[in-house]
């Protein structure tokens, strides 16, 4: 837990960190909204509408960047690159109709 030094009346207040499940759901909802609305200026909409090969190459690029950051043991860069990779993987999920529940079921089925 972190502390917000600018709480009410200047008193420090605890600030809760976002939960990963909540963040993933929020991002996924935005991606689904982009798929529905297809705003012209949206990078996500361009990935959803464009050639699948372009999106798949982007995933390979992002995975390579995760590998390099991990090899270099650069924790801030690992976090940054994993977030990029996760975003692009989620774009594939939305594009191909795979839900977060589908992914949760798949991962749960792999637990031993």
N, C-alpha and C. Protein backbone atom coordinates (compact mmCIF):
# COMPACT_ATOMS: atom_id res chain seq x y z
N UNK A 1 0.85 -1.16 0.00
CA UNK A 1 0.00 0.00 0.00
C UNK A 1 0.90 1.23 0.00
N UNK A 2 0.52 2.24 -0.79
CA UNK A 2 1.25 3.49 -0.81
C UNK A 2 0.47 4.54 -0.03
N UNK A 3 1.13 5.63 0.29
CA UNK A 3 0.50 6.70 1.06
C UNK A 3 0.40 7.94 0.19
N UNK A 4 -0.79 8.53 0.15
CA UNK A 4 -1.01 9.80 -0.54
C UNK A 4 -0.73 10.92 0.44
N UNK A 5 0.38 11.68 0.25
CA UNK A 5 0.71 12.72 1.20
C UNK A 5 -0.26 13.90 1.17
N UNK A 6 -1.10 13.95 0.16
CA UNK A 6 -2.04 15.06 0.01
C UNK A 6 -3.47 14.64 0.32
N UNK A 7 -3.64 13.82 1.33
CA UNK A 7 -4.97 13.40 1.74
C UNK A 7 -5.77 14.58 2.27
N UNK A 8 -7.03 14.35 2.67
CA UNK A 8 -7.85 15.44 3.19
C UNK A 8 -7.17 16.14 4.35
N UNK A 9 -7.23 17.45 4.32
CA UNK A 9 -6.65 18.30 5.37
C UNK A 9 -5.16 18.06 5.54
N UNK A 10 -4.51 17.62 4.48
CA UNK A 10 -3.07 17.41 4.52
C UNK A 10 -2.62 16.16 5.24
N UNK A 11 -3.57 15.36 5.72
CA UNK A 11 -3.22 14.13 6.43
C UNK A 11 -2.93 13.02 5.43
N UNK A 12 -1.83 12.30 5.58
CA UNK A 12 -1.55 11.19 4.67
C UNK A 12 -2.67 10.15 4.70
N UNK A 13 -3.03 9.66 3.52
CA UNK A 13 -4.10 8.67 3.39
C UNK A 13 -3.58 7.49 2.58
N UNK A 14 -3.96 6.27 2.95
CA UNK A 14 -3.55 5.11 2.15
C UNK A 14 -4.18 5.18 0.76
N UNK A 15 -3.42 4.81 -0.23
CA UNK A 15 -3.90 4.73 -1.61
C UNK A 15 -3.76 3.28 -2.04
N UNK A 16 -4.88 2.68 -2.42
CA UNK A 16 -4.81 1.27 -2.82
C UNK A 16 -4.25 1.15 -4.23
N UNK A 17 -3.48 0.11 -4.44
CA UNK A 17 -2.91 -0.17 -5.75
C UNK A 17 -3.98 -0.86 -6.59
N UNK A 18 -3.96 -0.63 -7.89
CA UNK A 18 -4.96 -1.29 -8.73
C UNK A 18 -4.74 -2.81 -8.74
N UNK A 19 -5.83 -3.54 -8.78
CA UNK A 19 -5.77 -4.99 -8.88
C UNK A 19 -5.62 -5.38 -10.35
N UNK A 20 -4.77 -6.35 -10.63
CA UNK A 20 -4.48 -6.73 -12.02
C UNK A 20 -5.74 -7.15 -12.77
N UNK A 21 -6.62 -7.88 -12.11
CA UNK A 21 -7.85 -8.32 -12.78
C UNK A 21 -8.72 -7.14 -13.20
N UNK A 22 -8.80 -6.14 -12.32
CA UNK A 22 -9.59 -4.95 -12.64
C UNK A 22 -8.98 -4.19 -13.81
N UNK A 23 -7.66 -4.07 -13.81
CA UNK A 23 -6.97 -3.35 -14.89
C UNK A 23 -7.14 -4.09 -16.21
N UNK A 24 -6.97 -5.41 -16.20
CA UNK A 24 -7.14 -6.19 -17.43
C UNK A 24 -8.56 -6.05 -17.97
N UNK A 25 -9.55 -6.11 -17.08
CA UNK A 25 -10.94 -5.95 -17.52
C UNK A 25 -11.18 -4.57 -18.12
N UNK A 26 -10.63 -3.53 -17.48
CA UNK A 26 -10.79 -2.17 -18.01
C UNK A 26 -10.18 -2.05 -19.41
N UNK A 27 -8.96 -2.53 -19.55
CA UNK A 27 -8.29 -2.46 -20.86
C UNK A 27 -9.09 -3.26 -21.89
N UNK A 28 -9.53 -4.45 -21.52
CA UNK A 28 -10.28 -5.30 -22.44
C UNK A 28 -11.57 -4.61 -22.88
N UNK A 29 -12.25 -3.96 -21.95
CA UNK A 29 -13.48 -3.23 -22.29
C UNK A 29 -13.21 -2.10 -23.27
N UNK A 30 -12.10 -1.40 -23.08
CA UNK A 30 -11.74 -0.33 -24.03
C UNK A 30 -11.46 -0.93 -25.40
N UNK A 31 -10.75 -2.05 -25.44
CA UNK A 31 -10.45 -2.69 -26.72
C UNK A 31 -11.74 -3.13 -27.42
N UNK A 32 -12.67 -3.70 -26.66
CA UNK A 32 -13.95 -4.10 -27.26
C UNK A 32 -14.73 -2.89 -27.77
N UNK A 33 -14.67 -1.79 -27.03
CA UNK A 33 -15.34 -0.56 -27.46
C UNK A 33 -14.72 -0.05 -28.75
N UNK A 34 -13.39 -0.12 -28.85
CA UNK A 34 -12.72 0.30 -30.09
C UNK A 34 -13.16 -0.57 -31.27
N UNK A 35 -13.34 -1.85 -31.01
CA UNK A 35 -13.80 -2.76 -32.07
C UNK A 35 -15.21 -2.39 -32.53
N UNK A 36 -16.06 -2.02 -31.58
CA UNK A 36 -17.43 -1.62 -31.92
C UNK A 36 -17.46 -0.29 -32.68
N UNK A 37 -16.72 0.70 -32.16
CA UNK A 37 -16.82 2.06 -32.69
C UNK A 37 -15.85 2.35 -33.84
N UNK A 38 -14.73 1.67 -33.86
CA UNK A 38 -13.69 1.85 -34.88
C UNK A 38 -13.36 3.32 -35.16
N UNK A 39 -12.97 4.09 -34.14
CA UNK A 39 -12.60 5.49 -34.39
C UNK A 39 -11.39 5.56 -35.32
N UNK A 40 -11.45 6.44 -36.30
CA UNK A 40 -10.41 6.52 -37.33
C UNK A 40 -9.01 6.76 -36.76
N UNK A 41 -8.91 7.56 -35.72
CA UNK A 41 -7.61 7.94 -35.18
C UNK A 41 -7.05 6.92 -34.19
N UNK A 42 -7.79 5.86 -33.92
CA UNK A 42 -7.40 4.90 -32.89
C UNK A 42 -6.38 3.88 -33.42
N UNK A 43 -5.24 3.81 -32.73
CA UNK A 43 -4.22 2.80 -33.05
C UNK A 43 -4.81 1.40 -32.91
N UNK A 44 -5.59 1.20 -31.85
CA UNK A 44 -6.22 -0.10 -31.61
C UNK A 44 -7.15 -0.47 -32.75
N UNK A 45 -7.98 0.47 -33.19
CA UNK A 45 -8.90 0.19 -34.30
C UNK A 45 -8.13 -0.19 -35.55
N UNK A 46 -7.01 0.47 -35.79
CA UNK A 46 -6.18 0.14 -36.97
C UNK A 46 -5.64 -1.28 -36.86
N UNK A 47 -5.25 -1.68 -35.65
CA UNK A 47 -4.78 -3.06 -35.47
C UNK A 47 -5.92 -4.06 -35.66
N UNK A 48 -7.10 -3.70 -35.20
CA UNK A 48 -8.26 -4.60 -35.31
C UNK A 48 -8.73 -4.74 -36.75
N UNK A 49 -8.65 -3.67 -37.51
CA UNK A 49 -9.13 -3.67 -38.90
C UNK A 49 -8.07 -4.08 -39.91
N UNK A 50 -6.82 -3.82 -39.58
CA UNK A 50 -5.74 -4.03 -40.54
C UNK A 50 -5.42 -5.49 -40.76
N UNK A 51 -4.40 -5.71 -41.56
CA UNK A 51 -3.99 -7.09 -41.84
C UNK A 51 -3.55 -7.80 -40.56
N UNK A 52 -4.00 -9.02 -40.40
CA UNK A 52 -3.64 -9.79 -39.21
C UNK A 52 -2.13 -9.93 -39.10
N UNK A 53 -1.46 -10.07 -40.22
CA UNK A 53 -0.01 -10.26 -40.22
C UNK A 53 0.71 -9.10 -39.55
N UNK A 54 0.21 -7.89 -39.73
CA UNK A 54 0.83 -6.71 -39.11
C UNK A 54 0.74 -6.81 -37.58
N UNK A 55 -0.40 -7.22 -37.07
CA UNK A 55 -0.59 -7.38 -35.64
C UNK A 55 0.30 -8.50 -35.10
N UNK A 56 0.37 -9.60 -35.81
CA UNK A 56 1.18 -10.73 -35.36
C UNK A 56 2.66 -10.37 -35.35
N UNK A 57 3.11 -9.59 -36.33
CA UNK A 57 4.50 -9.13 -36.34
C UNK A 57 4.77 -8.21 -35.15
N UNK A 58 3.78 -7.41 -34.79
CA UNK A 58 3.92 -6.52 -33.64
C UNK A 58 4.09 -7.34 -32.36
N UNK A 59 3.37 -8.44 -32.25
CA UNK A 59 3.51 -9.31 -31.08
C UNK A 59 4.92 -9.91 -31.03
N UNK A 60 5.42 -10.34 -32.16
CA UNK A 60 6.78 -10.89 -32.20
C UNK A 60 7.80 -9.83 -31.80
N UNK A 61 7.60 -8.61 -32.27
CA UNK A 61 8.50 -7.50 -31.92
C UNK A 61 8.47 -7.25 -30.41
N UNK A 62 7.27 -7.18 -29.85
CA UNK A 62 7.13 -6.90 -28.41
C UNK A 62 7.71 -8.04 -27.58
N UNK A 63 7.51 -9.29 -28.01
CA UNK A 63 8.08 -10.43 -27.29
C UNK A 63 9.60 -10.35 -27.31
N UNK A 64 10.16 -9.97 -28.43
CA UNK A 64 11.61 -9.80 -28.52
C UNK A 64 12.12 -8.73 -27.56
N UNK A 65 11.35 -7.65 -27.42
CA UNK A 65 11.74 -6.58 -26.51
C UNK A 65 11.68 -7.05 -25.04
N UNK A 66 10.72 -7.91 -24.73
CA UNK A 66 10.66 -8.49 -23.38
C UNK A 66 11.91 -9.35 -23.14
N UNK A 67 12.27 -10.13 -24.12
CA UNK A 67 13.45 -10.99 -24.01
C UNK A 67 14.71 -10.17 -23.76
N UNK A 68 14.87 -9.09 -24.51
CA UNK A 68 16.06 -8.24 -24.35
C UNK A 68 16.08 -7.59 -22.98
N UNK A 69 14.94 -7.06 -22.55
CA UNK A 69 14.87 -6.42 -21.23
C UNK A 69 15.17 -7.43 -20.12
N UNK A 70 14.66 -8.65 -20.26
CA UNK A 70 14.91 -9.69 -19.26
C UNK A 70 16.39 -10.08 -19.26
N UNK A 71 16.95 -10.23 -20.44
CA UNK A 71 18.37 -10.57 -20.53
C UNK A 71 19.23 -9.51 -19.84
N UNK A 72 18.82 -8.24 -20.02
CA UNK A 72 19.56 -7.12 -19.43
C UNK A 72 19.22 -6.90 -17.95
N UNK A 73 18.27 -7.68 -17.44
CA UNK A 73 17.81 -7.56 -16.06
C UNK A 73 17.39 -6.12 -15.73
N UNK A 74 16.71 -5.50 -16.69
CA UNK A 74 16.25 -4.12 -16.57
C UNK A 74 14.78 -4.15 -16.14
N UNK A 75 14.54 -4.17 -14.83
CA UNK A 75 13.18 -4.36 -14.31
C UNK A 75 12.18 -3.31 -14.80
N UNK A 76 12.51 -2.01 -14.80
CA UNK A 76 11.53 -1.05 -15.33
C UNK A 76 11.20 -1.32 -16.81
N UNK A 77 12.21 -1.69 -17.59
CA UNK A 77 11.97 -1.97 -19.00
C UNK A 77 11.20 -3.26 -19.19
N UNK A 78 11.45 -4.25 -18.34
CA UNK A 78 10.67 -5.49 -18.40
C UNK A 78 9.20 -5.17 -18.19
N UNK A 79 8.90 -4.40 -17.16
CA UNK A 79 7.51 -4.04 -16.86
C UNK A 79 6.88 -3.32 -18.05
N UNK A 80 7.61 -2.38 -18.62
CA UNK A 80 7.11 -1.61 -19.76
C UNK A 80 6.84 -2.52 -20.96
N UNK A 81 7.79 -3.37 -21.28
CA UNK A 81 7.66 -4.23 -22.46
C UNK A 81 6.61 -5.32 -22.27
N UNK A 82 6.50 -5.86 -21.06
CA UNK A 82 5.45 -6.86 -20.79
C UNK A 82 4.08 -6.21 -20.95
N UNK A 83 3.94 -4.97 -20.50
CA UNK A 83 2.66 -4.26 -20.67
C UNK A 83 2.34 -4.10 -22.16
N UNK A 84 3.34 -3.73 -22.96
CA UNK A 84 3.12 -3.63 -24.41
C UNK A 84 2.69 -4.97 -25.00
N UNK A 85 3.39 -6.02 -24.60
CA UNK A 85 3.06 -7.36 -25.11
C UNK A 85 1.65 -7.77 -24.70
N UNK A 86 1.31 -7.54 -23.44
CA UNK A 86 -0.04 -7.88 -22.96
C UNK A 86 -1.11 -7.13 -23.75
N UNK A 87 -0.88 -5.85 -23.97
CA UNK A 87 -1.84 -5.05 -24.75
C UNK A 87 -2.05 -5.67 -26.13
N UNK A 88 -0.97 -5.98 -26.82
CA UNK A 88 -1.10 -6.52 -28.17
C UNK A 88 -1.72 -7.92 -28.17
N UNK A 89 -1.43 -8.72 -27.15
CA UNK A 89 -2.08 -10.02 -27.03
C UNK A 89 -3.58 -9.86 -26.81
N UNK A 90 -3.95 -8.87 -26.02
CA UNK A 90 -5.37 -8.63 -25.78
C UNK A 90 -6.06 -8.13 -27.04
N UNK A 91 -5.36 -7.37 -27.88
CA UNK A 91 -5.92 -6.95 -29.16
C UNK A 91 -6.22 -8.20 -30.01
N UNK A 92 -5.31 -9.16 -30.02
CA UNK A 92 -5.54 -10.41 -30.75
C UNK A 92 -6.77 -11.12 -30.18
N UNK A 93 -6.87 -11.16 -28.86
CA UNK A 93 -8.02 -11.82 -28.24
C UNK A 93 -9.33 -11.18 -28.69
N UNK A 94 -9.39 -9.84 -28.66
CA UNK A 94 -10.61 -9.15 -29.08
C UNK A 94 -10.86 -9.39 -30.56
N UNK A 95 -9.83 -9.29 -31.35
CA UNK A 95 -9.97 -9.48 -32.81
C UNK A 95 -10.51 -10.87 -33.14
N UNK A 96 -10.05 -11.88 -32.40
CA UNK A 96 -10.40 -13.26 -32.70
C UNK A 96 -11.56 -13.78 -31.86
N UNK A 97 -12.11 -12.96 -30.97
CA UNK A 97 -13.28 -13.35 -30.19
C UNK A 97 -12.98 -14.23 -28.98
N UNK A 98 -11.79 -14.09 -28.41
CA UNK A 98 -11.44 -14.82 -27.20
C UNK A 98 -11.66 -13.87 -26.02
N UNK A 99 -12.49 -14.27 -25.07
CA UNK A 99 -12.80 -13.41 -23.93
C UNK A 99 -11.80 -13.61 -22.79
N UNK A 100 -11.83 -12.69 -21.84
CA UNK A 100 -11.01 -12.87 -20.63
C UNK A 100 -11.46 -14.11 -19.87
N UNK A 101 -12.76 -14.38 -19.88
CA UNK A 101 -13.25 -15.61 -19.23
C UNK A 101 -12.69 -16.86 -19.91
N UNK A 102 -12.60 -16.83 -21.24
CA UNK A 102 -12.00 -17.96 -21.97
C UNK A 102 -10.56 -18.17 -21.51
N UNK A 103 -9.83 -17.07 -21.41
CA UNK A 103 -8.43 -17.15 -20.98
C UNK A 103 -8.34 -17.65 -19.54
N UNK A 104 -9.20 -17.14 -18.67
CA UNK A 104 -9.21 -17.58 -17.27
C UNK A 104 -9.49 -19.08 -17.18
N UNK A 105 -10.46 -19.56 -17.96
CA UNK A 105 -10.77 -21.00 -17.97
C UNK A 105 -9.56 -21.81 -18.43
N UNK A 106 -8.90 -21.34 -19.47
CA UNK A 106 -7.73 -22.05 -19.99
C UNK A 106 -6.62 -22.11 -18.95
N UNK A 107 -6.34 -20.98 -18.32
CA UNK A 107 -5.29 -20.95 -17.32
C UNK A 107 -5.66 -21.78 -16.09
N UNK A 108 -6.90 -21.69 -15.66
CA UNK A 108 -7.35 -22.48 -14.51
C UNK A 108 -7.22 -23.97 -14.79
N UNK A 109 -7.49 -24.36 -16.03
CA UNK A 109 -7.39 -25.77 -16.40
C UNK A 109 -5.96 -26.29 -16.40
N UNK A 110 -5.01 -25.40 -16.36
CA UNK A 110 -3.59 -25.80 -16.36
C UNK A 110 -3.00 -25.91 -14.96
N UNK A 111 -3.76 -25.48 -13.97
CA UNK A 111 -3.26 -25.56 -12.59
C UNK A 111 -3.21 -27.01 -12.14
N UNK A 112 -2.25 -27.32 -11.33
CA UNK A 112 -2.14 -28.69 -10.81
C UNK A 112 -2.20 -28.67 -9.32
